[in-house]
Protein backbone atom coordinates (compact mmCIF):
# COMPACT_ATOMS: atom_id res chain seq x y z
CA MET A 1 46.02 66.98 -164.53
CA ASP A 2 46.31 70.54 -163.19
CA LEU A 3 48.83 73.37 -163.10
CA LEU A 4 50.94 72.00 -160.27
CA ASP A 5 51.11 68.58 -161.96
CA ASP A 6 52.44 70.17 -165.13
CA TYR A 7 54.82 72.57 -163.41
CA LEU A 8 56.33 69.79 -161.32
CA GLY A 9 56.78 67.53 -164.33
CA GLY A 10 60.19 69.10 -164.92
CA VAL A 11 61.41 69.36 -161.35
CA ARG A 12 60.82 65.88 -160.07
CA ALA A 13 63.64 64.42 -158.04
CA ARG A 14 65.05 62.08 -160.68
CA GLY A 15 68.48 61.41 -159.23
CA ALA A 16 68.37 64.55 -157.11
CA VAL A 17 71.63 65.49 -155.39
CA PHE A 18 70.90 64.68 -151.77
CA CYS A 19 73.01 65.66 -148.77
CA GLN A 20 72.49 65.23 -145.03
CA SER A 21 74.76 67.34 -142.83
CA VAL A 22 75.33 66.53 -139.15
CA LEU A 23 76.99 69.41 -137.33
CA GLU A 24 77.74 71.06 -134.00
CA PRO A 25 77.82 74.89 -133.64
CA PRO A 26 79.56 76.92 -134.77
CA TRP A 27 79.09 75.57 -138.31
CA ALA A 28 78.49 76.83 -141.83
CA ILE A 29 78.33 75.11 -145.22
CA ARG A 30 78.73 76.94 -148.52
CA PHE A 31 76.89 75.59 -151.58
CA SER A 32 78.88 77.02 -154.47
CA ALA A 33 76.97 75.70 -157.50
CA PRO A 34 73.43 74.74 -156.50
CA ALA A 35 70.70 73.59 -158.90
CA PRO A 36 67.95 76.00 -160.03
CA LEU A 37 65.76 74.74 -157.17
CA VAL A 38 67.02 73.55 -153.78
CA MET A 39 64.91 72.29 -150.90
CA GLY A 40 66.37 72.38 -147.39
CA VAL A 41 64.86 70.76 -144.30
CA ALA A 42 65.95 71.58 -140.73
CA LEU A 43 65.46 68.15 -139.20
CA ARG A 44 67.29 69.09 -135.99
CA GLY A 45 68.10 72.61 -134.82
CA ALA A 46 67.46 75.94 -136.54
CA VAL A 47 69.35 76.98 -139.69
CA TRP A 48 70.20 80.37 -141.17
CA ILE A 49 70.13 80.66 -144.96
CA LEU A 50 72.26 83.32 -146.63
CA VAL A 51 71.78 83.72 -150.38
CA GLU A 52 73.89 86.21 -152.29
CA GLY A 53 71.85 89.38 -152.80
CA ALA A 54 69.07 88.37 -150.38
CA VAL A 55 68.32 89.10 -146.72
CA PRO A 56 69.38 86.23 -144.37
CA VAL A 57 66.43 84.16 -143.13
CA GLN A 58 66.10 81.64 -140.32
CA VAL A 59 64.50 78.22 -140.76
CA VAL A 60 63.32 76.84 -137.43
CA GLU A 61 63.51 73.16 -136.53
CA HIS A 62 61.21 71.08 -138.79
CA GLY A 63 60.87 74.05 -141.14
CA VAL A 64 61.46 73.89 -144.89
CA VAL A 65 63.22 76.35 -147.19
CA LEU A 66 63.02 76.55 -150.99
CA ILE A 67 65.90 78.35 -152.71
CA ARG A 68 65.73 79.20 -156.37
CA SER A 69 67.88 80.96 -159.00
CA GLY A 70 70.96 78.75 -158.74
CA ARG A 71 72.92 81.42 -156.86
CA PRO A 72 75.47 80.27 -154.26
CA PHE A 73 74.19 80.19 -150.69
CA THR A 74 75.35 79.35 -147.19
CA ALA A 75 73.57 77.34 -144.48
CA ALA A 76 74.80 78.11 -140.96
CA ASP A 77 74.00 78.08 -137.26
CA HIS A 78 74.44 81.89 -137.23
CA PRO A 79 74.69 84.53 -139.98
CA ARG A 80 78.20 85.51 -138.86
CA THR A 81 79.69 82.01 -138.84
CA ARG A 82 82.29 81.57 -141.55
CA PRO A 83 81.97 78.46 -143.78
CA GLN A 84 84.14 75.49 -142.85
CA VAL A 85 82.91 73.33 -145.73
CA ILE A 86 82.04 74.08 -149.32
CA ILE A 87 79.83 71.81 -151.41
CA ASP A 88 81.07 72.05 -154.99
CA GLY A 89 78.50 69.99 -156.90
CA ARG A 90 78.56 66.60 -155.15
CA LEU A 91 82.05 67.00 -153.64
CA PRO A 92 82.54 68.36 -150.08
CA LEU A 93 85.70 70.42 -149.63
CA ALA A 94 87.19 71.60 -146.33
CA LEU A 95 88.33 75.22 -146.18
CA ALA A 96 91.70 76.15 -144.73
CA GLY A 97 92.29 79.88 -145.06
CA ASN A 98 91.81 80.62 -148.75
CA ALA A 99 92.64 77.09 -149.82
CA SER A 100 90.44 74.03 -150.03
CA GLN A 101 91.02 70.32 -150.22
CA ALA A 102 88.83 67.36 -150.97
CA VAL A 103 87.84 65.64 -147.75
CA GLU A 104 84.89 63.54 -148.87
CA ALA A 105 86.21 60.42 -147.14
CA LYS A 106 87.02 62.25 -143.90
CA LEU A 107 83.63 63.97 -143.75
CA ALA A 108 81.57 60.91 -144.68
CA LEU A 109 79.45 59.65 -141.78
CA GLY A 110 77.28 57.32 -143.83
CA PRO A 111 75.40 57.17 -147.16
CA ARG A 112 74.65 60.76 -148.33
CA THR A 113 75.66 61.98 -144.86
CA PHE A 114 78.55 64.30 -144.03
CA GLY A 115 79.82 66.17 -141.01
CA PHE A 116 82.50 66.50 -138.36
CA ASP A 117 80.52 64.88 -135.53
CA ALA A 118 78.03 62.03 -135.87
CA THR A 119 76.33 63.17 -132.66
CA GLY A 120 75.99 66.81 -133.72
CA SER A 121 73.00 68.73 -132.45
CA HIS A 122 72.13 70.14 -135.91
CA LEU A 123 70.85 68.04 -138.80
CA PHE A 124 70.20 69.81 -142.11
CA VAL A 125 69.09 67.99 -145.26
CA THR A 126 69.32 69.49 -148.74
CA ALA A 127 68.02 68.19 -152.06
CA GLU A 128 68.87 69.82 -155.39
CA PHE A 129 66.30 69.51 -158.16
CA PRO A 130 67.57 69.72 -161.74
CA MET A 131 65.23 71.48 -164.15
CA TYR A 132 64.17 69.62 -167.28
CA ARG A 133 61.37 71.64 -168.83
CA GLU A 134 60.49 75.14 -169.92
CA VAL A 135 57.05 74.68 -168.36
CA SER A 136 58.69 74.44 -164.94
CA GLU A 137 60.06 77.96 -165.31
CA ARG A 138 56.57 79.20 -164.44
CA LEU A 139 56.92 77.55 -161.07
CA LEU A 140 60.31 79.16 -160.41
CA GLU A 141 59.08 82.57 -161.52
CA ALA A 142 56.32 82.39 -158.90
CA LEU A 143 58.78 81.69 -156.08
CA PRO A 144 60.93 84.29 -154.33
CA ASP A 145 64.69 83.72 -154.10
CA VAL A 146 64.11 82.20 -150.65
CA ALA A 147 60.78 80.79 -149.44
CA VAL A 148 60.56 79.63 -145.82
CA ILE A 149 57.73 77.25 -144.87
CA PRO A 150 57.25 76.96 -141.08
CA PRO A 151 56.51 73.60 -139.42
CA GLU A 152 52.99 72.34 -139.98
CA PRO A 153 51.06 69.13 -139.22
CA ARG A 154 50.74 68.03 -142.86
CA ILE A 155 54.52 67.97 -143.32
CA GLU A 156 55.43 66.40 -139.97
CA PRO A 157 54.80 62.76 -141.06
CA LEU A 158 57.18 63.23 -143.98
CA LEU A 159 59.99 64.35 -141.67
CA ALA A 160 60.11 60.94 -139.99
CA LEU A 161 60.04 59.19 -143.36
CA LEU A 162 62.83 61.38 -144.69
CA SER A 163 64.96 60.74 -141.60
CA ALA A 164 64.45 57.00 -141.90
CA GLU A 165 65.37 56.80 -145.58
CA VAL A 166 68.18 59.29 -146.09
CA ASP A 167 71.04 57.30 -144.57
CA ARG A 168 70.03 53.88 -145.87
CA ASP A 169 71.91 52.25 -148.72
CA GLU A 170 69.61 49.51 -149.95
CA PRO A 171 68.74 48.42 -153.51
CA GLY A 172 66.63 51.06 -155.24
CA GLN A 173 67.35 53.60 -152.51
CA GLN A 174 67.69 56.54 -154.91
CA VAL A 175 64.24 55.81 -156.33
CA VAL A 176 62.76 55.68 -152.82
CA LEU A 177 64.36 59.01 -151.92
CA ASP A 178 63.19 60.57 -155.18
CA ARG A 179 59.58 59.61 -154.42
CA VAL A 180 59.82 60.94 -150.85
CA LEU A 181 61.29 64.21 -152.11
CA ASP A 182 58.57 64.57 -154.75
CA LEU A 183 55.92 64.30 -152.05
CA PHE A 184 57.82 66.64 -149.75
CA LEU A 185 58.17 69.24 -152.48
CA VAL A 186 54.47 69.13 -153.40
CA ARG A 187 53.44 69.52 -149.76
CA SER A 188 55.84 72.43 -149.31
CA LEU A 189 54.66 74.22 -152.45
CA ARG A 190 51.01 73.78 -151.46
CA SER A 191 51.77 75.35 -148.09
CA TRP A 192 53.63 78.24 -149.67
CA PHE A 193 51.12 79.08 -152.39
CA THR A 194 48.12 79.06 -150.03
CA ARG A 195 49.59 81.92 -147.98
CA ALA A 196 47.60 85.16 -148.25
CA ASP A 197 50.72 87.26 -148.86
CA VAL A 198 52.07 85.04 -151.66
CA ARG A 199 51.44 85.41 -155.38
CA PRO A 200 51.09 81.89 -156.84
CA PRO A 201 51.64 80.88 -160.50
CA ILE A 202 49.11 82.25 -162.96
CA GLY A 203 45.85 80.34 -162.62
CA TYR A 204 46.84 78.43 -159.47
CA LYS A 205 44.22 79.90 -157.12
CA ALA A 206 41.56 79.57 -159.80
CA LEU A 207 41.84 75.79 -159.50
CA SER A 208 39.81 75.96 -156.28
CA ASP A 209 36.93 77.55 -158.19
CA HIS A 210 34.69 74.70 -159.32
CA ALA A 211 33.80 76.21 -162.70
CA ILE A 212 37.06 77.87 -163.75
CA GLY A 213 39.13 75.07 -162.27
CA ALA A 214 37.33 72.58 -164.48
CA ALA A 215 38.11 74.61 -167.61
CA LEU A 216 41.76 75.04 -166.63
CA ARG A 217 42.20 71.31 -166.07
CA ARG A 218 40.71 70.55 -169.49
CA MET A 219 43.06 73.03 -171.17
CA HIS A 220 46.03 71.42 -169.46
CA GLU A 221 44.85 67.92 -170.23
CA PHE A 222 44.03 68.58 -173.90
CA PRO A 223 46.05 71.63 -175.07
CA ALA A 224 45.73 70.69 -178.76
CA ARG A 225 41.94 70.67 -178.76
CA ARG A 226 40.32 73.45 -180.80
CA TRP A 227 39.10 75.36 -177.78
CA THR A 228 36.92 78.43 -178.06
CA VAL A 229 35.51 80.58 -175.29
CA ALA A 230 32.15 78.91 -175.92
CA THR A 231 33.47 75.34 -175.59
CA LEU A 232 35.46 76.25 -172.48
CA ALA A 233 32.40 77.91 -170.98
CA LYS A 234 30.51 74.67 -171.55
CA GLU A 235 33.18 72.76 -169.62
CA ALA A 236 32.76 75.27 -166.80
CA GLY A 237 28.97 75.09 -166.87
CA LEU A 238 28.63 78.85 -167.41
CA SER A 239 27.39 81.15 -170.12
CA ARG A 240 30.05 82.47 -172.50
CA ALA A 241 29.99 85.99 -171.07
CA ALA A 242 29.91 84.88 -167.44
CA PHE A 243 32.78 82.46 -168.03
CA ALA A 244 34.98 85.05 -169.75
CA ARG A 245 34.45 87.57 -166.93
CA ARG A 246 35.02 85.07 -164.15
CA PHE A 247 38.10 83.60 -165.83
CA ALA A 248 39.71 87.01 -166.30
CA ASP A 249 38.94 87.99 -162.70
CA LEU A 250 40.49 84.83 -161.23
CA VAL A 251 43.35 84.18 -163.65
CA GLY A 252 44.26 87.69 -164.76
CA GLN A 253 44.10 86.83 -168.46
CA SER A 254 41.42 86.08 -170.99
CA PRO A 255 40.80 82.35 -171.58
CA LEU A 256 42.37 82.31 -175.04
CA ALA A 257 45.37 84.42 -174.00
CA TYR A 258 46.04 81.95 -171.18
CA LEU A 259 45.63 79.01 -173.56
CA THR A 260 48.08 80.52 -176.06
CA ASP A 261 50.71 81.17 -173.38
CA TRP A 262 50.32 77.63 -172.08
CA ARG A 263 50.60 76.11 -175.54
CA MET A 264 53.80 78.06 -176.23
CA ALA A 265 55.34 76.91 -172.95
CA ILE A 266 54.60 73.29 -173.89
CA ALA A 267 55.90 73.89 -177.41
CA ALA A 268 59.19 75.28 -176.11
CA ASP A 269 59.80 71.94 -174.38
CA LEU A 270 58.64 69.82 -177.30
CA LEU A 271 60.89 71.65 -179.77
CA LEU A 272 63.96 70.51 -177.82
CA GLU A 273 63.09 66.81 -178.00
CA PRO A 274 65.10 64.64 -180.44
CA GLY A 275 63.50 64.47 -183.88
CA ALA A 276 61.02 67.27 -183.22
CA THR A 277 60.01 69.51 -186.11
CA VAL A 278 58.06 72.75 -186.21
CA THR A 279 55.22 70.98 -188.01
CA SER A 280 55.01 68.09 -185.56
CA VAL A 281 55.08 70.40 -182.55
CA ALA A 282 52.46 72.67 -184.13
CA ALA A 283 50.03 69.74 -184.32
CA GLN A 284 50.66 68.78 -180.69
CA VAL A 285 49.70 72.23 -179.41
CA GLY A 286 46.65 72.81 -181.59
CA TYR A 287 47.89 74.53 -184.76
CA ALA A 288 46.95 73.40 -188.25
CA ASP A 289 50.35 74.13 -189.80
CA GLY A 290 53.88 75.16 -188.97
CA PHE A 291 53.50 78.68 -190.33
CA SER A 292 50.61 79.75 -188.09
CA PHE A 293 52.35 78.13 -185.12
CA SER A 294 55.63 79.93 -185.85
CA VAL A 295 53.84 83.29 -186.05
CA ALA A 296 52.12 82.69 -182.71
CA PHE A 297 55.31 81.40 -181.09
CA LYS A 298 57.32 84.46 -182.14
CA ARG A 299 54.57 86.81 -180.96
CA VAL A 300 54.48 85.21 -177.50
CA ARG A 301 58.12 84.19 -177.00
CA GLY A 302 59.88 86.94 -178.96
CA LEU A 303 61.79 84.63 -181.32
CA PRO A 304 60.87 82.03 -183.94
CA PRO A 305 60.95 78.32 -183.03
CA SER A 306 64.07 77.70 -185.12
CA GLU A 307 66.07 80.25 -183.12
CA LEU A 308 65.03 78.66 -179.84
CA VAL A 309 66.30 75.28 -181.02
CA GLN A 310 69.56 76.79 -182.28
CA ALA A 311 70.15 78.70 -179.02
CA SER A 312 69.59 75.50 -177.05
CA LYS A 313 72.14 73.61 -179.14
CA GLN A 314 74.73 76.33 -178.57
CA ARG A 315 74.26 76.12 -174.76
CA ARG A 316 74.92 72.37 -174.70
């Protein structure tokens, strides 16, 4: 287990909303209520992405775009093209002036495929990833509102697989698509976070360091263990002082500060599970009792565990 494994645990494509759009310029599609994370793939032709409050960006053919924040956005052949279709959740609507009408049957070209022309020169695929876990927020926080990943050899094989699977309607097809999307998302995130001008999630680049990476993986694998700087240094194969310095240099936090933040992120998810109690969660993240856990949780998260649970219930 490592950071990306844990971060992606809450954004896997379990039943992801999947849409393939076949279009001919001029075209534009408005996504009015997207999920917290959307992945778009320009399978054929270039696409412009316009997110409210962000500068328009172009995704070239075979490029990938990641859009976060859940704000409405438009995909178009040109920034000035006005939307002809709006995607409201799963339902495509055609725009006529200021009015709209459901035209799902008229726009359907096949399973998960919509458009006005089956032979259109542009093919744009979108997948919306619902968020399930607090831990995954760390991944979203590390992404800009719009991240464009240019074509690259490691992603090319997945493009053919995606094209072959998206318009099929066979038994278990949603599961197949989910697995393909999981792989596509991991590849895309790897490409994005290895860029020199990108700031990855805390600790991500440290994974490539043999010593510090080993300690990070152990913390993620066994968060409840009674870790000390000395025991973590042993996992890294370094002296205590050398480990503490190297960890802080690569991660930006002390080892125990990082561990506490990670435990509280896990705890925030565990507290929302049915039947969870402060005491049971405390044990799962390495605290001897509910009181010491509650004190640490409030110090890191700004509110006691009970208030987090209550706030979550009110949002449902």
